[in-house]
């Protein structure tokens, strides 16, 4: 699922909106709107929020976002959280992306 979402985001970010072949990635991203999404970034932080939009460069905007980060460098360390609201996560920083949905919805996103 993570790979499929990433491919869809990359395809949408690299496609021209006026091009008719871009309708498939656009439709796939529309299915993700207003779903809970967990995005990991390269420095180890995670952002959990509602998927709001995606721009042409592949940057993700989440609303009602909570940031999770490790408070210590040791392995099983407690996570610290803080509420952020609206957040833009640059595509260059994204490490992982997970969408919260049922198995049936995951299968429909693969089509």
Protein backbone atom coordinates (compact mmCIF):
# COMPACT_ATOMS: atom_id res chain seq x y z
CA UNK A 1 0.00 0.00 0.00
CA UNK A 2 2.81 2.39 0.91
CA UNK A 3 4.53 1.85 -2.42
CA UNK A 4 1.27 2.32 -4.33
CA UNK A 5 0.52 5.63 -2.57
CA UNK A 6 4.08 6.80 -3.22
CA UNK A 7 3.88 5.87 -6.91
CA UNK A 8 0.52 7.62 -7.23
CA UNK A 9 1.90 10.76 -5.56
CA UNK A 10 4.99 10.73 -7.79
CA UNK A 11 2.91 10.18 -10.94
CA UNK A 12 0.61 13.04 -10.02
CA UNK A 13 3.50 15.31 -9.14
CA UNK A 14 5.23 14.64 -12.46
CA UNK A 15 2.15 14.77 -14.72
CA UNK A 16 0.66 17.74 -16.50
CA UNK A 17 -2.86 18.48 -15.21
CA UNK A 18 -4.12 19.33 -18.71
CA UNK A 19 -2.92 15.96 -20.02
CA UNK A 20 -5.73 13.38 -20.35
CA UNK A 21 -3.45 10.58 -19.12
CA UNK A 22 -3.24 12.30 -15.72
CA UNK A 23 -6.89 11.51 -14.91
CA UNK A 24 -5.99 8.11 -13.45
CA UNK A 25 -3.51 9.45 -10.85
CA UNK A 26 -5.86 12.34 -10.08
CA UNK A 27 -8.71 9.92 -9.45
CA UNK A 28 -6.50 7.79 -7.24
CA UNK A 29 -5.37 10.77 -5.17
CA UNK A 30 -8.98 11.98 -4.84
CA UNK A 31 -9.77 8.67 -3.13
CA UNK A 32 -7.20 9.61 -0.48
CA UNK A 33 -8.80 12.97 0.37
CA UNK A 34 -9.87 13.41 4.01
CA UNK A 35 -8.34 10.09 5.09
CA UNK A 36 -5.97 9.77 8.02
CA UNK A 37 -2.39 9.58 6.78
CA UNK A 38 0.85 8.87 8.61
CA UNK A 39 3.90 10.39 6.92
CA UNK A 40 7.42 9.64 8.11
CA UNK A 41 10.28 11.98 7.29
CA UNK A 42 14.02 11.41 7.06
CA UNK A 43 14.93 12.86 10.46
CA UNK A 44 12.80 10.23 12.25
CA UNK A 45 9.68 12.27 12.96
CA UNK A 46 6.16 11.17 12.00
CA UNK A 47 3.15 13.30 11.17
CA UNK A 48 -0.38 11.96 11.60
CA UNK A 49 -3.11 14.05 10.03
CA UNK A 50 -5.93 14.25 7.55
CA UNK A 51 -4.80 14.28 3.91
CA UNK A 52 -5.81 17.67 2.52
CA UNK A 53 -4.01 18.06 -0.80
CA UNK A 54 -0.98 17.36 -2.91
CA UNK A 55 0.81 19.83 -5.15
CA UNK A 56 2.50 19.25 -8.49
CA UNK A 57 5.91 18.73 -6.85
CA UNK A 58 4.56 15.94 -4.61
CA UNK A 59 4.46 17.95 -1.37
CA UNK A 60 1.76 16.67 0.99
CA UNK A 61 -0.45 18.97 3.05
CA UNK A 62 -2.03 17.46 6.17
CA UNK A 63 -4.60 19.16 8.40
CA UNK A 64 -5.24 18.60 12.12
CA UNK A 65 -1.73 17.17 12.33
CA UNK A 66 0.08 15.69 15.31
CA UNK A 67 3.87 15.42 15.23
CA UNK A 68 5.52 12.43 16.92
CA UNK A 69 9.22 12.44 17.70
CA UNK A 70 11.60 10.49 19.87
CA UNK A 71 12.74 12.34 22.98
CA UNK A 72 16.01 10.39 23.27
CA UNK A 73 18.45 8.75 20.89
CA UNK A 74 18.27 5.37 22.67
CA UNK A 75 16.33 2.61 20.97
CA UNK A 76 13.09 2.12 22.94
CA UNK A 77 12.55 5.77 23.76
CA UNK A 78 9.24 7.41 24.61
CA UNK A 79 7.57 9.44 21.88
CA UNK A 80 6.79 13.08 22.39
CA UNK A 81 3.81 14.55 20.58
CA UNK A 82 2.56 18.03 19.79
CA UNK A 83 -0.41 19.39 17.86
CA UNK A 84 0.53 21.41 14.78
CA UNK A 85 -2.60 21.97 12.70
CA UNK A 86 -1.94 22.48 8.96
CA UNK A 87 1.45 21.12 7.82
CA UNK A 88 3.25 20.99 4.46
CA UNK A 89 5.65 18.07 4.15
CA UNK A 90 8.12 18.53 1.27
CA UNK A 91 8.50 15.56 -1.05
CA UNK A 92 12.28 15.66 -0.54
CA UNK A 93 11.80 14.92 3.18
CA UNK A 94 9.20 12.14 2.89
CA UNK A 95 10.39 8.71 3.90
CA UNK A 96 7.16 6.71 4.25
CA UNK A 97 3.45 7.21 3.78
CA UNK A 98 0.60 5.10 5.17
CA UNK A 99 -3.13 5.61 4.66
CA UNK A 100 -5.67 4.50 7.27
CA UNK A 101 -8.40 2.53 5.49
CA UNK A 102 -10.02 -0.90 5.38
CA UNK A 103 -8.66 -3.84 3.38
CA UNK A 104 -11.42 -3.43 0.78
CA UNK A 105 -10.54 0.24 0.34
CA UNK A 106 -6.85 -0.62 0.02
CA UNK A 107 -7.66 -3.07 -2.76
CA UNK A 108 -9.80 -0.47 -4.56
CA UNK A 109 -6.91 2.01 -4.43
CA UNK A 110 -4.72 -0.52 -6.24
CA UNK A 111 -7.04 -0.56 -9.28
